[in-house]
N, C-alpha and C. Protein backbone atom coordinates (compact mmCIF):
# COMPACT_ATOMS: atom_id res chain seq x y z
N UNK A 1 -28.55 -52.25 72.51
CA UNK A 1 -27.93 -52.18 73.81
C UNK A 1 -28.91 -51.58 74.81
N UNK A 2 -28.77 -51.99 76.06
CA UNK A 2 -29.58 -51.48 77.15
C UNK A 2 -28.66 -50.80 78.16
N UNK A 3 -29.05 -49.61 78.57
CA UNK A 3 -28.34 -48.92 79.64
C UNK A 3 -29.06 -49.18 80.96
N UNK A 4 -28.27 -49.35 82.01
CA UNK A 4 -28.78 -49.46 83.37
C UNK A 4 -28.29 -48.23 84.13
N UNK A 5 -29.08 -47.16 84.14
CA UNK A 5 -28.65 -45.95 84.87
C UNK A 5 -28.67 -46.17 86.38
N UNK A 6 -27.65 -45.64 87.01
CA UNK A 6 -27.56 -45.64 88.46
C UNK A 6 -28.65 -44.70 89.01
N UNK A 7 -28.94 -44.83 90.27
CA UNK A 7 -29.96 -44.00 90.91
C UNK A 7 -29.65 -42.51 90.73
N UNK A 8 -28.37 -42.14 90.83
CA UNK A 8 -28.04 -40.72 90.72
C UNK A 8 -28.40 -40.13 89.36
N UNK A 9 -28.40 -40.93 88.33
CA UNK A 9 -28.78 -40.47 86.99
C UNK A 9 -30.28 -40.18 86.96
N UNK A 10 -31.08 -41.10 87.48
CA UNK A 10 -32.53 -40.91 87.50
C UNK A 10 -32.90 -39.67 88.33
N UNK A 11 -32.24 -39.49 89.46
CA UNK A 11 -32.53 -38.34 90.32
C UNK A 11 -32.19 -37.02 89.63
N UNK A 12 -31.04 -36.98 88.96
CA UNK A 12 -30.65 -35.76 88.25
C UNK A 12 -31.59 -35.45 87.09
N UNK A 13 -32.16 -36.48 86.51
CA UNK A 13 -33.12 -36.26 85.41
C UNK A 13 -34.39 -35.58 85.88
N UNK A 14 -34.89 -35.95 87.04
CA UNK A 14 -36.17 -35.40 87.51
C UNK A 14 -36.04 -34.06 88.22
N UNK A 15 -34.83 -33.67 88.57
CA UNK A 15 -34.61 -32.42 89.29
C UNK A 15 -33.83 -31.45 88.43
N UNK A 16 -34.53 -30.49 87.84
CA UNK A 16 -33.87 -29.53 86.95
C UNK A 16 -32.86 -28.65 87.68
N UNK A 17 -32.95 -28.58 88.99
CA UNK A 17 -31.98 -27.79 89.77
C UNK A 17 -30.79 -28.63 90.25
N UNK A 18 -30.81 -29.90 89.95
CA UNK A 18 -29.71 -30.79 90.35
C UNK A 18 -28.42 -30.32 89.67
N UNK A 19 -27.33 -30.36 90.41
CA UNK A 19 -26.03 -29.89 89.90
C UNK A 19 -25.66 -30.57 88.58
N UNK A 20 -26.01 -31.83 88.42
CA UNK A 20 -25.64 -32.59 87.23
C UNK A 20 -26.77 -32.74 86.21
N UNK A 21 -27.83 -31.96 86.37
CA UNK A 21 -28.98 -32.11 85.46
C UNK A 21 -28.57 -31.91 84.00
N UNK A 22 -27.78 -30.89 83.71
CA UNK A 22 -27.38 -30.62 82.32
C UNK A 22 -26.58 -31.79 81.76
N UNK A 23 -25.70 -32.36 82.55
CA UNK A 23 -24.88 -33.48 82.09
C UNK A 23 -25.75 -34.70 81.80
N UNK A 24 -26.69 -34.98 82.69
CA UNK A 24 -27.56 -36.13 82.53
C UNK A 24 -28.52 -35.90 81.36
N UNK A 25 -28.97 -34.69 81.19
CA UNK A 25 -29.85 -34.37 80.06
C UNK A 25 -29.12 -34.59 78.73
N UNK A 26 -27.85 -34.21 78.69
CA UNK A 26 -27.03 -34.43 77.49
C UNK A 26 -26.92 -35.93 77.21
N UNK A 27 -26.65 -36.71 78.26
CA UNK A 27 -26.61 -38.17 78.11
C UNK A 27 -27.93 -38.66 77.54
N UNK A 28 -29.03 -38.25 78.13
CA UNK A 28 -30.38 -38.69 77.73
C UNK A 28 -30.62 -38.40 76.26
N UNK A 29 -30.21 -37.22 75.81
CA UNK A 29 -30.50 -36.78 74.45
C UNK A 29 -29.47 -37.25 73.42
N UNK A 30 -28.22 -37.48 73.82
CA UNK A 30 -27.15 -37.73 72.87
C UNK A 30 -26.41 -39.06 73.03
N UNK A 31 -26.37 -39.63 74.21
CA UNK A 31 -25.48 -40.76 74.46
C UNK A 31 -26.18 -42.04 74.90
N UNK A 32 -27.45 -41.96 75.20
CA UNK A 32 -28.12 -43.13 75.79
C UNK A 32 -28.34 -44.23 74.76
N UNK A 33 -28.49 -45.42 75.29
CA UNK A 33 -28.80 -46.57 74.45
C UNK A 33 -30.27 -46.50 74.03
N UNK A 34 -30.69 -47.47 73.21
CA UNK A 34 -32.08 -47.50 72.77
C UNK A 34 -33.04 -47.78 73.92
N UNK A 35 -32.57 -48.50 74.92
CA UNK A 35 -33.39 -48.82 76.09
C UNK A 35 -32.66 -48.36 77.35
N UNK A 36 -33.43 -47.85 78.31
CA UNK A 36 -32.92 -47.48 79.62
C UNK A 36 -33.72 -48.25 80.65
N UNK A 37 -33.02 -48.99 81.50
CA UNK A 37 -33.69 -49.93 82.38
C UNK A 37 -33.57 -49.55 83.85
N UNK A 38 -34.61 -49.84 84.56
CA UNK A 38 -34.59 -49.90 86.01
C UNK A 38 -34.42 -51.37 86.39
N UNK A 39 -33.81 -51.60 87.52
CA UNK A 39 -33.86 -52.90 88.18
C UNK A 39 -34.47 -52.63 89.55
N UNK A 40 -34.68 -53.64 90.35
CA UNK A 40 -35.36 -53.44 91.64
C UNK A 40 -34.57 -52.47 92.53
N UNK A 41 -33.24 -52.57 92.54
CA UNK A 41 -32.43 -51.68 93.39
C UNK A 41 -32.55 -50.24 92.94
N UNK A 42 -32.47 -49.97 91.63
CA UNK A 42 -32.55 -48.58 91.17
C UNK A 42 -33.97 -48.04 91.33
N UNK A 43 -34.96 -48.90 91.16
CA UNK A 43 -36.35 -48.48 91.37
C UNK A 43 -36.56 -48.08 92.83
N UNK A 44 -36.16 -48.93 93.76
CA UNK A 44 -36.33 -48.64 95.18
C UNK A 44 -35.52 -47.41 95.60
N UNK A 45 -34.30 -47.31 95.10
CA UNK A 45 -33.46 -46.16 95.42
C UNK A 45 -34.06 -44.86 94.90
N UNK A 46 -34.60 -44.91 93.68
CA UNK A 46 -35.23 -43.72 93.12
C UNK A 46 -36.44 -43.31 93.96
N UNK A 47 -37.30 -44.26 94.28
CA UNK A 47 -38.49 -43.94 95.08
C UNK A 47 -38.10 -43.40 96.46
N UNK A 48 -37.12 -44.00 97.08
CA UNK A 48 -36.70 -43.58 98.42
C UNK A 48 -36.04 -42.21 98.40
N UNK A 49 -35.06 -42.02 97.51
CA UNK A 49 -34.27 -40.79 97.54
C UNK A 49 -34.99 -39.60 96.92
N UNK A 50 -35.86 -39.83 95.95
CA UNK A 50 -36.57 -38.71 95.32
C UNK A 50 -37.57 -38.05 96.26
N UNK A 51 -37.88 -38.71 97.37
CA UNK A 51 -38.84 -38.17 98.33
C UNK A 51 -38.17 -37.58 99.57
N UNK A 52 -36.84 -37.46 99.54
CA UNK A 52 -36.11 -36.97 100.71
C UNK A 52 -35.55 -35.57 100.49
N UNK A 53 -35.86 -34.68 101.40
CA UNK A 53 -35.38 -33.30 101.32
C UNK A 53 -33.86 -33.20 101.45
N UNK A 54 -33.23 -34.17 102.11
CA UNK A 54 -31.76 -34.16 102.23
C UNK A 54 -31.09 -34.41 100.89
N UNK A 55 -31.81 -34.99 99.95
CA UNK A 55 -31.26 -35.36 98.65
C UNK A 55 -31.74 -34.42 97.55
N UNK A 56 -33.00 -34.07 97.60
CA UNK A 56 -33.63 -33.29 96.54
C UNK A 56 -33.96 -31.88 97.03
N UNK A 57 -33.70 -30.87 96.20
CA UNK A 57 -34.09 -29.50 96.54
C UNK A 57 -35.61 -29.39 96.67
N UNK A 58 -36.30 -30.09 95.81
CA UNK A 58 -37.75 -30.09 95.80
C UNK A 58 -38.22 -31.55 95.80
N UNK A 59 -38.24 -32.19 96.97
CA UNK A 59 -38.56 -33.61 97.00
C UNK A 59 -39.96 -33.88 96.47
N UNK A 60 -40.10 -35.06 95.88
CA UNK A 60 -41.39 -35.49 95.37
C UNK A 60 -42.22 -36.07 96.50
N UNK A 61 -43.52 -35.98 96.37
CA UNK A 61 -44.39 -36.70 97.29
C UNK A 61 -44.29 -38.19 96.92
N UNK A 62 -44.80 -39.04 97.77
CA UNK A 62 -44.78 -40.47 97.45
C UNK A 62 -45.52 -40.74 96.14
N UNK A 63 -46.68 -40.11 95.98
CA UNK A 63 -47.45 -40.29 94.75
C UNK A 63 -46.69 -39.77 93.53
N UNK A 64 -46.05 -38.61 93.66
CA UNK A 64 -45.28 -38.04 92.55
C UNK A 64 -44.10 -38.93 92.18
N UNK A 65 -43.47 -39.54 93.17
CA UNK A 65 -42.34 -40.45 92.90
C UNK A 65 -42.82 -41.64 92.07
N UNK A 66 -43.96 -42.22 92.47
CA UNK A 66 -44.51 -43.34 91.71
C UNK A 66 -44.88 -42.92 90.29
N UNK A 67 -45.50 -41.76 90.15
CA UNK A 67 -45.88 -41.26 88.82
C UNK A 67 -44.64 -41.07 87.96
N UNK A 68 -43.61 -40.44 88.53
CA UNK A 68 -42.38 -40.21 87.77
C UNK A 68 -41.74 -41.53 87.33
N UNK A 69 -41.65 -42.49 88.25
CA UNK A 69 -41.10 -43.80 87.92
C UNK A 69 -41.90 -44.46 86.79
N UNK A 70 -43.21 -44.44 86.91
CA UNK A 70 -44.06 -45.06 85.88
C UNK A 70 -43.98 -44.32 84.55
N UNK A 71 -43.77 -43.01 84.58
CA UNK A 71 -43.61 -42.25 83.34
C UNK A 71 -42.32 -42.67 82.62
N UNK A 72 -41.25 -42.89 83.38
CA UNK A 72 -40.02 -43.38 82.76
C UNK A 72 -40.27 -44.74 82.09
N UNK A 73 -40.94 -45.62 82.80
CA UNK A 73 -41.21 -46.96 82.25
C UNK A 73 -42.12 -46.91 81.03
N UNK A 74 -43.00 -45.94 80.97
CA UNK A 74 -43.96 -45.83 79.86
C UNK A 74 -43.32 -45.28 78.58
N UNK A 75 -42.15 -44.69 78.70
CA UNK A 75 -41.47 -44.20 77.51
C UNK A 75 -41.07 -45.37 76.60
N UNK A 76 -41.00 -45.14 75.30
CA UNK A 76 -40.57 -46.22 74.40
C UNK A 76 -39.20 -46.80 74.78
N UNK A 77 -38.35 -45.99 75.39
CA UNK A 77 -37.01 -46.45 75.77
C UNK A 77 -36.98 -47.05 77.17
N UNK A 78 -38.04 -46.90 77.94
CA UNK A 78 -38.05 -47.36 79.32
C UNK A 78 -38.35 -48.84 79.44
N UNK A 79 -37.71 -49.49 80.42
CA UNK A 79 -38.01 -50.90 80.70
C UNK A 79 -37.57 -51.25 82.11
N UNK A 80 -38.04 -52.37 82.57
CA UNK A 80 -37.67 -52.92 83.87
C UNK A 80 -37.05 -54.29 83.62
N UNK A 81 -35.89 -54.53 84.21
CA UNK A 81 -35.21 -55.82 84.07
C UNK A 81 -35.30 -56.61 85.37
N UNK A 82 -35.75 -57.82 85.27
CA UNK A 82 -35.76 -58.72 86.43
C UNK A 82 -34.34 -59.16 86.74
N UNK A 83 -34.14 -59.61 87.95
CA UNK A 83 -32.81 -60.05 88.36
C UNK A 83 -32.38 -61.26 87.56
N UNK A 84 -31.19 -61.20 86.97
CA UNK A 84 -30.69 -62.36 86.21
C UNK A 84 -30.43 -63.55 87.13
N UNK A 85 -30.62 -64.74 86.60
CA UNK A 85 -30.43 -65.95 87.40
C UNK A 85 -29.00 -66.12 87.89
N UNK A 86 -28.04 -65.70 87.10
CA UNK A 86 -26.63 -65.93 87.42
C UNK A 86 -25.98 -64.77 88.16
N UNK A 87 -26.75 -63.87 88.72
CA UNK A 87 -26.16 -62.67 89.31
C UNK A 87 -25.38 -62.96 90.60
N UNK A 88 -25.83 -63.90 91.39
CA UNK A 88 -25.19 -64.10 92.69
C UNK A 88 -23.71 -64.49 92.56
N UNK A 89 -23.39 -65.38 91.66
CA UNK A 89 -21.99 -65.78 91.46
C UNK A 89 -21.17 -64.59 90.96
N UNK A 90 -21.75 -63.82 90.05
CA UNK A 90 -21.06 -62.64 89.52
C UNK A 90 -20.82 -61.61 90.64
N UNK A 91 -21.83 -61.39 91.46
CA UNK A 91 -21.75 -60.45 92.57
C UNK A 91 -20.70 -60.91 93.58
N UNK A 92 -20.69 -62.19 93.90
CA UNK A 92 -19.70 -62.71 94.84
C UNK A 92 -18.29 -62.54 94.30
N UNK A 93 -18.10 -62.80 93.02
CA UNK A 93 -16.77 -62.64 92.43
C UNK A 93 -16.31 -61.19 92.50
N UNK A 94 -17.19 -60.26 92.24
CA UNK A 94 -16.81 -58.85 92.31
C UNK A 94 -16.48 -58.43 93.74
N UNK A 95 -17.24 -58.94 94.70
CA UNK A 95 -17.01 -58.56 96.10
C UNK A 95 -15.77 -59.24 96.68
N UNK A 96 -15.29 -60.29 96.04
CA UNK A 96 -14.09 -60.99 96.52
C UNK A 96 -12.80 -60.39 95.94
N UNK A 97 -12.92 -59.49 94.99
CA UNK A 97 -11.75 -58.90 94.34
C UNK A 97 -11.01 -57.97 95.30
N UNK A 98 -9.71 -57.86 95.11
CA UNK A 98 -8.94 -56.96 95.95
C UNK A 98 -9.40 -55.53 95.70
N UNK A 99 -9.39 -54.73 96.73
CA UNK A 99 -9.83 -53.35 96.63
C UNK A 99 -11.31 -53.14 96.90
N UNK A 100 -12.05 -54.24 97.09
CA UNK A 100 -13.47 -54.11 97.39
C UNK A 100 -13.61 -53.66 98.84
N UNK A 101 -14.37 -52.60 99.07
CA UNK A 101 -14.58 -52.07 100.42
C UNK A 101 -16.07 -52.02 100.71
N UNK A 102 -16.41 -51.86 101.98
CA UNK A 102 -17.81 -51.94 102.42
C UNK A 102 -18.75 -50.98 101.70
N UNK A 103 -18.29 -49.82 101.31
CA UNK A 103 -19.17 -48.85 100.66
C UNK A 103 -19.53 -49.24 99.22
N UNK A 104 -18.92 -50.31 98.71
CA UNK A 104 -19.16 -50.73 97.33
C UNK A 104 -20.18 -51.86 97.19
N UNK A 105 -20.85 -52.25 98.28
CA UNK A 105 -21.77 -53.37 98.18
C UNK A 105 -22.88 -53.12 97.15
N UNK A 106 -23.55 -51.99 97.23
CA UNK A 106 -24.63 -51.73 96.28
C UNK A 106 -24.08 -51.50 94.88
N UNK A 107 -22.95 -50.79 94.78
CA UNK A 107 -22.32 -50.60 93.47
C UNK A 107 -21.91 -51.95 92.89
N UNK A 108 -21.39 -52.83 93.73
CA UNK A 108 -20.99 -54.16 93.27
C UNK A 108 -22.19 -54.95 92.75
N UNK A 109 -23.31 -54.83 93.45
CA UNK A 109 -24.52 -55.50 92.99
C UNK A 109 -24.94 -54.96 91.63
N UNK A 110 -24.97 -53.64 91.49
CA UNK A 110 -25.37 -53.04 90.20
C UNK A 110 -24.40 -53.42 89.09
N UNK A 111 -23.11 -53.47 89.41
CA UNK A 111 -22.12 -53.88 88.41
C UNK A 111 -22.36 -55.34 87.99
N UNK A 112 -22.61 -56.20 88.96
CA UNK A 112 -22.90 -57.61 88.65
C UNK A 112 -24.19 -57.72 87.85
N UNK A 113 -25.20 -56.94 88.20
CA UNK A 113 -26.46 -56.95 87.47
C UNK A 113 -26.23 -56.55 86.02
N UNK A 114 -25.47 -55.48 85.82
CA UNK A 114 -25.19 -55.01 84.46
C UNK A 114 -24.42 -56.07 83.67
N UNK A 115 -23.43 -56.67 84.29
CA UNK A 115 -22.66 -57.69 83.60
C UNK A 115 -23.51 -58.91 83.27
N UNK A 116 -24.29 -59.38 84.22
CA UNK A 116 -25.12 -60.56 84.00
C UNK A 116 -26.23 -60.30 82.98
N UNK A 117 -26.67 -59.04 82.87
CA UNK A 117 -27.72 -58.67 81.92
C UNK A 117 -27.17 -58.14 80.60
N UNK A 118 -25.86 -58.07 80.51
CA UNK A 118 -25.18 -57.53 79.33
C UNK A 118 -25.66 -56.10 79.03
N UNK A 119 -25.69 -55.30 80.09
CA UNK A 119 -26.07 -53.89 79.99
C UNK A 119 -24.85 -53.01 80.18
N UNK A 120 -25.00 -51.76 79.79
CA UNK A 120 -23.99 -50.75 80.10
C UNK A 120 -24.48 -50.01 81.34
N UNK A 121 -23.65 -49.97 82.37
CA UNK A 121 -24.00 -49.24 83.57
C UNK A 121 -23.62 -47.77 83.36
N UNK A 122 -24.52 -46.88 83.72
CA UNK A 122 -24.32 -45.44 83.53
C UNK A 122 -24.44 -44.76 84.88
N UNK A 123 -23.43 -43.96 85.25
CA UNK A 123 -23.46 -43.32 86.56
C UNK A 123 -22.64 -42.04 86.58
N UNK A 124 -22.98 -41.18 87.52
CA UNK A 124 -22.17 -40.00 87.81
C UNK A 124 -21.04 -40.37 88.76
N UNK A 125 -21.10 -41.56 89.31
CA UNK A 125 -20.16 -42.06 90.32
C UNK A 125 -18.99 -42.79 89.66
N UNK A 126 -17.80 -42.32 89.89
CA UNK A 126 -16.62 -42.94 89.27
C UNK A 126 -16.20 -44.24 89.95
N UNK A 127 -16.80 -44.58 91.08
CA UNK A 127 -16.42 -45.82 91.79
C UNK A 127 -16.64 -47.07 90.94
N UNK A 128 -17.48 -47.00 89.94
CA UNK A 128 -17.73 -48.18 89.11
C UNK A 128 -16.51 -48.55 88.27
N UNK A 129 -15.54 -47.66 88.19
CA UNK A 129 -14.29 -47.97 87.49
C UNK A 129 -13.51 -49.08 88.20
N UNK A 130 -13.86 -49.36 89.45
CA UNK A 130 -13.19 -50.41 90.22
C UNK A 130 -13.54 -51.82 89.76
N UNK A 131 -14.56 -51.95 88.93
CA UNK A 131 -15.04 -53.27 88.55
C UNK A 131 -14.55 -53.64 87.15
N UNK A 132 -13.56 -54.55 87.07
CA UNK A 132 -13.00 -54.91 85.77
C UNK A 132 -14.03 -55.61 84.89
N UNK A 133 -13.96 -55.31 83.62
CA UNK A 133 -14.85 -55.95 82.66
C UNK A 133 -16.24 -55.35 82.59
N UNK A 134 -16.51 -54.33 83.39
CA UNK A 134 -17.82 -53.69 83.39
C UNK A 134 -17.94 -52.73 82.21
N UNK A 135 -19.00 -52.86 81.45
CA UNK A 135 -19.30 -51.88 80.40
C UNK A 135 -19.90 -50.68 81.13
N UNK A 136 -19.11 -49.62 81.26
CA UNK A 136 -19.45 -48.50 82.14
C UNK A 136 -19.28 -47.18 81.42
N UNK A 137 -20.30 -46.35 81.50
CA UNK A 137 -20.24 -44.98 81.02
C UNK A 137 -20.27 -44.06 82.22
N UNK A 138 -19.13 -43.41 82.48
CA UNK A 138 -19.05 -42.44 83.57
C UNK A 138 -19.47 -41.09 83.03
N UNK A 139 -20.50 -40.52 83.61
CA UNK A 139 -20.99 -39.22 83.16
C UNK A 139 -20.21 -38.13 83.89
N UNK A 140 -18.96 -37.98 83.46
CA UNK A 140 -18.12 -36.92 83.98
C UNK A 140 -18.69 -35.58 83.53
N UNK A 141 -18.47 -34.52 84.30
CA UNK A 141 -19.00 -33.21 83.90
C UNK A 141 -18.54 -32.81 82.50
N UNK A 142 -19.45 -32.16 81.78
CA UNK A 142 -19.10 -31.60 80.49
C UNK A 142 -18.16 -30.42 80.69
N UNK A 143 -17.40 -30.08 79.70
CA UNK A 143 -16.43 -28.98 79.84
C UNK A 143 -17.10 -27.66 80.15
N UNK A 144 -18.37 -27.50 79.81
CA UNK A 144 -19.07 -26.24 80.07
C UNK A 144 -19.66 -26.19 81.48
N UNK A 145 -19.61 -27.29 82.24
CA UNK A 145 -20.17 -27.28 83.60
C UNK A 145 -19.17 -26.76 84.60
């Protein structure tokens, strides 16, 4: 199985002071699949958000963001997935479902990507529960957090 972590998972992994770092570290060590994948959206989001002081307590420089991204990919479990050919129809179907709202466009894309790639989507964000049929692991806080 391949996990497709949401951007918030990657950010919490690189920032030890992140509120959810312990939860994401537990996932990394105990719950993750054999492979953890970036796609273009999560790669771009990680590079963009990891360099912003509004998001990170200790933002990375542009060079550090690239190094961190490449270090994840260099791990035996790291990989990059290209966009599946059938994603657009899947994405359109998800966005046409009742309850879809404007703030879910990127989440809908990631959900469609995970479904089309037969991946498990992993996120700290519970909004992914809105997508029926999605193999989704919600990283809810551990009882000790």
